N, C-alpha and C. Protein backbone atom coordinates (compact mmCIF):
# COMPACT_ATOMS: atom_id res chain seq x y z
N MET A 1 -96.08 17.99 -36.29
CA MET A 1 -96.53 19.28 -36.76
C MET A 1 -96.51 19.28 -38.29
N THR A 2 -97.60 19.73 -38.88
CA THR A 2 -97.71 19.82 -40.33
C THR A 2 -97.20 21.18 -40.78
N THR A 3 -96.45 21.16 -41.87
CA THR A 3 -95.89 22.38 -42.41
C THR A 3 -96.13 22.42 -43.91
N THR A 4 -96.15 23.62 -44.47
CA THR A 4 -96.22 23.82 -45.92
C THR A 4 -95.05 24.69 -46.32
N VAL A 5 -94.27 24.21 -47.27
CA VAL A 5 -93.13 24.97 -47.77
C VAL A 5 -93.09 24.85 -49.29
N THR A 6 -92.43 25.81 -49.91
CA THR A 6 -92.19 25.76 -51.34
C THR A 6 -90.69 25.65 -51.53
N VAL A 7 -90.27 24.65 -52.32
CA VAL A 7 -88.86 24.35 -52.49
C VAL A 7 -88.51 24.48 -53.97
N GLU A 8 -87.38 25.12 -54.24
CA GLU A 8 -86.89 25.26 -55.61
C GLU A 8 -85.65 24.39 -55.78
N PHE A 9 -85.68 23.52 -56.78
CA PHE A 9 -84.55 22.69 -57.14
C PHE A 9 -84.01 23.23 -58.47
N THR A 10 -82.71 23.42 -58.58
CA THR A 10 -82.12 23.86 -59.84
C THR A 10 -80.98 22.92 -60.22
N GLY A 11 -80.73 22.81 -61.51
CA GLY A 11 -79.67 21.95 -62.01
C GLY A 11 -80.03 21.42 -63.38
N ASP A 12 -79.60 20.21 -63.67
CA ASP A 12 -79.94 19.52 -64.91
C ASP A 12 -81.09 18.57 -64.58
N LEU A 13 -82.31 19.00 -64.85
CA LEU A 13 -83.51 18.31 -64.37
C LEU A 13 -84.45 17.97 -65.52
N PRO A 14 -84.20 16.91 -66.25
CA PRO A 14 -85.16 16.51 -67.28
C PRO A 14 -86.55 16.39 -66.64
N PRO A 15 -87.55 17.11 -67.15
CA PRO A 15 -88.84 17.20 -66.46
C PRO A 15 -89.53 15.86 -66.18
N ALA A 16 -89.61 14.97 -67.14
CA ALA A 16 -90.37 13.72 -66.92
C ALA A 16 -89.77 12.87 -65.80
N PRO A 17 -88.47 12.55 -65.83
CA PRO A 17 -87.94 11.71 -64.74
C PRO A 17 -87.96 12.41 -63.38
N PHE A 18 -87.72 13.73 -63.37
CA PHE A 18 -87.72 14.44 -62.09
C PHE A 18 -89.12 14.46 -61.49
N ALA A 19 -90.13 14.73 -62.32
CA ALA A 19 -91.52 14.76 -61.83
C ALA A 19 -91.96 13.38 -61.34
N ALA A 20 -91.60 12.35 -62.07
CA ALA A 20 -91.97 10.99 -61.65
C ALA A 20 -91.30 10.62 -60.33
N PHE A 21 -90.03 10.97 -60.19
CA PHE A 21 -89.31 10.69 -58.95
C PHE A 21 -89.93 11.46 -57.79
N ALA A 22 -90.27 12.72 -58.01
CA ALA A 22 -90.90 13.54 -56.97
C ALA A 22 -92.23 12.93 -56.53
N ALA A 23 -93.05 12.50 -57.48
CA ALA A 23 -94.35 11.91 -57.14
C ALA A 23 -94.17 10.61 -56.35
N HIS A 24 -93.21 9.80 -56.76
CA HIS A 24 -92.95 8.54 -56.05
C HIS A 24 -92.48 8.79 -54.63
N ARG A 25 -91.53 9.69 -54.46
CA ARG A 25 -91.01 9.98 -53.11
C ARG A 25 -92.08 10.63 -52.23
N ALA A 26 -92.89 11.51 -52.80
CA ALA A 26 -93.96 12.14 -52.01
C ALA A 26 -94.93 11.08 -51.50
N ALA A 27 -95.28 10.14 -52.36
CA ALA A 27 -96.20 9.08 -51.95
C ALA A 27 -95.59 8.21 -50.85
N ARG A 28 -94.32 7.85 -51.01
CA ARG A 28 -93.65 7.00 -50.01
C ARG A 28 -93.55 7.70 -48.66
N LEU A 29 -93.40 9.03 -48.67
CA LEU A 29 -93.22 9.78 -47.44
C LEU A 29 -94.52 10.38 -46.90
N SER A 30 -95.63 10.13 -47.58
CA SER A 30 -96.93 10.70 -47.19
C SER A 30 -96.87 12.23 -47.13
N VAL A 31 -96.25 12.81 -48.13
CA VAL A 31 -96.15 14.26 -48.25
C VAL A 31 -96.98 14.68 -49.46
N VAL A 32 -97.82 15.68 -49.30
CA VAL A 32 -98.59 16.20 -50.42
C VAL A 32 -97.68 17.14 -51.20
N HIS A 33 -97.60 16.94 -52.52
CA HIS A 33 -96.74 17.81 -53.32
C HIS A 33 -97.51 18.35 -54.52
N GLU A 34 -97.16 19.55 -54.91
CA GLU A 34 -97.73 20.20 -56.08
C GLU A 34 -96.58 20.82 -56.85
N VAL A 35 -96.43 20.45 -58.10
CA VAL A 35 -95.40 21.06 -58.95
C VAL A 35 -95.94 22.41 -59.39
N VAL A 36 -95.30 23.48 -58.94
CA VAL A 36 -95.73 24.85 -59.23
C VAL A 36 -95.16 25.31 -60.57
N ALA A 37 -93.90 24.96 -60.84
CA ALA A 37 -93.24 25.32 -62.10
C ALA A 37 -92.15 24.30 -62.36
N GLN A 38 -91.92 24.02 -63.66
CA GLN A 38 -90.87 23.05 -63.98
C GLN A 38 -90.41 23.22 -65.42
N ASP A 39 -89.10 23.17 -65.59
CA ASP A 39 -88.50 23.08 -66.91
C ASP A 39 -87.21 22.28 -66.76
N ALA A 40 -86.36 22.26 -67.78
CA ALA A 40 -85.17 21.39 -67.75
C ALA A 40 -84.11 21.85 -66.75
N GLY A 41 -84.24 23.06 -66.20
CA GLY A 41 -83.24 23.55 -65.28
C GLY A 41 -83.76 23.92 -63.90
N ARG A 42 -85.07 23.83 -63.71
CA ARG A 42 -85.65 24.30 -62.45
C ARG A 42 -86.98 23.60 -62.19
N ALA A 43 -87.21 23.26 -60.93
CA ALA A 43 -88.50 22.73 -60.49
C ALA A 43 -88.86 23.40 -59.18
N VAL A 44 -90.08 23.90 -59.09
CA VAL A 44 -90.59 24.51 -57.87
C VAL A 44 -91.74 23.63 -57.40
N ILE A 45 -91.62 23.14 -56.17
CA ILE A 45 -92.60 22.20 -55.64
C ILE A 45 -93.09 22.68 -54.28
N ARG A 46 -94.42 22.74 -54.11
CA ARG A 46 -95.02 23.09 -52.83
C ARG A 46 -95.30 21.78 -52.09
N LEU A 47 -94.88 21.71 -50.84
CA LEU A 47 -94.98 20.49 -50.03
C LEU A 47 -95.78 20.75 -48.77
N THR A 48 -96.60 19.78 -48.40
CA THR A 48 -97.33 19.83 -47.14
C THR A 48 -97.22 18.47 -46.48
N GLY A 49 -96.83 18.50 -45.21
CA GLY A 49 -96.71 17.26 -44.46
C GLY A 49 -95.98 17.49 -43.15
N ALA A 50 -95.69 16.40 -42.48
CA ALA A 50 -94.92 16.48 -41.24
C ALA A 50 -93.55 17.09 -41.56
N ALA A 51 -93.09 17.98 -40.72
CA ALA A 51 -91.85 18.72 -40.99
C ALA A 51 -90.68 17.79 -41.29
N ALA A 52 -90.52 16.73 -40.53
CA ALA A 52 -89.40 15.81 -40.75
C ALA A 52 -89.52 15.10 -42.10
N LEU A 53 -90.74 14.79 -42.52
CA LEU A 53 -90.94 14.11 -43.80
C LEU A 53 -90.75 15.06 -44.98
N VAL A 54 -91.11 16.33 -44.80
CA VAL A 54 -90.85 17.33 -45.82
C VAL A 54 -89.35 17.48 -46.02
N GLU A 55 -88.60 17.51 -44.93
CA GLU A 55 -87.14 17.59 -45.03
C GLU A 55 -86.55 16.33 -45.68
N ALA A 56 -87.13 15.17 -45.38
CA ALA A 56 -86.67 13.94 -46.01
C ALA A 56 -86.93 13.98 -47.52
N PHE A 57 -88.06 14.54 -47.93
CA PHE A 57 -88.37 14.70 -49.35
C PHE A 57 -87.32 15.58 -50.03
N GLU A 58 -86.99 16.70 -49.40
CA GLU A 58 -85.96 17.59 -49.95
C GLU A 58 -84.65 16.85 -50.14
N MET A 59 -84.25 16.09 -49.15
CA MET A 59 -82.99 15.35 -49.22
C MET A 59 -83.05 14.30 -50.33
N ALA A 60 -84.14 13.55 -50.40
CA ALA A 60 -84.28 12.51 -51.42
C ALA A 60 -84.18 13.11 -52.82
N LEU A 61 -84.85 14.23 -53.05
CA LEU A 61 -84.81 14.83 -54.39
C LEU A 61 -83.47 15.46 -54.70
N SER A 62 -82.75 15.89 -53.69
CA SER A 62 -81.43 16.46 -53.95
C SER A 62 -80.44 15.39 -54.40
N LEU A 63 -80.76 14.11 -54.14
CA LEU A 63 -79.86 12.99 -54.47
C LEU A 63 -80.28 12.21 -55.71
N GLY A 64 -81.45 12.43 -56.23
CA GLY A 64 -81.89 11.59 -57.34
C GLY A 64 -82.95 12.27 -58.15
N PRO A 65 -83.40 11.65 -59.22
CA PRO A 65 -83.04 10.35 -59.76
C PRO A 65 -81.69 10.40 -60.50
N ALA A 66 -81.24 9.25 -60.95
CA ALA A 66 -79.90 9.12 -61.52
C ALA A 66 -79.69 10.02 -62.74
N GLU A 67 -80.71 10.23 -63.55
CA GLU A 67 -80.53 11.03 -64.77
C GLU A 67 -80.64 12.54 -64.54
N CYS A 68 -80.78 12.94 -63.29
CA CYS A 68 -80.87 14.36 -62.93
C CYS A 68 -79.69 14.74 -62.04
N LEU A 69 -79.29 15.98 -62.15
CA LEU A 69 -78.23 16.51 -61.28
C LEU A 69 -78.75 17.78 -60.62
N VAL A 70 -79.08 17.68 -59.34
CA VAL A 70 -79.55 18.85 -58.59
C VAL A 70 -78.33 19.60 -58.10
N ARG A 71 -78.23 20.84 -58.49
CA ARG A 71 -77.09 21.68 -58.10
C ARG A 71 -77.39 22.55 -56.88
N ASP A 72 -78.66 22.88 -56.68
CA ASP A 72 -79.02 23.75 -55.56
C ASP A 72 -80.46 23.47 -55.14
N VAL A 73 -80.70 23.58 -53.85
CA VAL A 73 -82.04 23.45 -53.27
C VAL A 73 -82.22 24.63 -52.34
N ARG A 74 -83.35 25.31 -52.49
CA ARG A 74 -83.63 26.39 -51.54
C ARG A 74 -85.12 26.51 -51.30
N ARG A 75 -85.45 26.91 -50.10
CA ARG A 75 -86.84 27.15 -49.74
C ARG A 75 -87.21 28.57 -50.12
N LEU A 76 -88.41 28.72 -50.66
CA LEU A 76 -88.94 30.03 -51.01
C LEU A 76 -89.95 30.45 -49.97
N GLU A 77 -90.21 31.74 -49.86
CA GLU A 77 -91.20 32.21 -48.91
C GLU A 77 -92.58 31.67 -49.27
N THR A 78 -93.34 31.26 -48.25
CA THR A 78 -94.72 30.82 -48.44
C THR A 78 -95.61 31.54 -47.47
N ALA A 79 -96.89 31.52 -47.74
CA ALA A 79 -97.86 32.21 -46.88
C ALA A 79 -97.89 31.61 -45.48
N SER A 80 -97.53 30.33 -45.35
CA SER A 80 -97.63 29.67 -44.04
C SER A 80 -96.38 29.87 -43.20
N GLY A 81 -95.42 30.64 -43.71
CA GLY A 81 -94.28 30.96 -42.89
C GLY A 81 -93.03 30.17 -43.17
N GLY A 82 -93.04 29.22 -44.13
CA GLY A 82 -91.82 28.51 -44.47
C GLY A 82 -90.89 29.49 -45.17
N GLY A 83 -89.68 29.61 -44.70
CA GLY A 83 -88.80 30.63 -45.25
C GLY A 83 -87.61 30.09 -45.99
N ALA A 84 -86.94 30.98 -46.64
CA ALA A 84 -85.70 30.60 -47.34
C ALA A 84 -84.66 30.20 -46.32
N ARG A 85 -83.85 29.21 -46.73
CA ARG A 85 -82.74 28.83 -45.84
C ARG A 85 -81.54 28.52 -46.66
């Protein structure tokens, strides 16, 4: 089943390494991603793909890259029904 969710990552997130890591992981997991907003403390990413792979993307980004520290991950409301958790 394909799902679309918007995920917010907060913490110490240097934009260039975090964006590069997100793009690499999305490609490896065959998940379509769109960076909606990003700065040094927050990244909002819209994801579309198989539900299990979207969750794997969330987990991967919560753990890396090494120069970033993700303090919180939460899903935001989306038009397709992905909700906060």
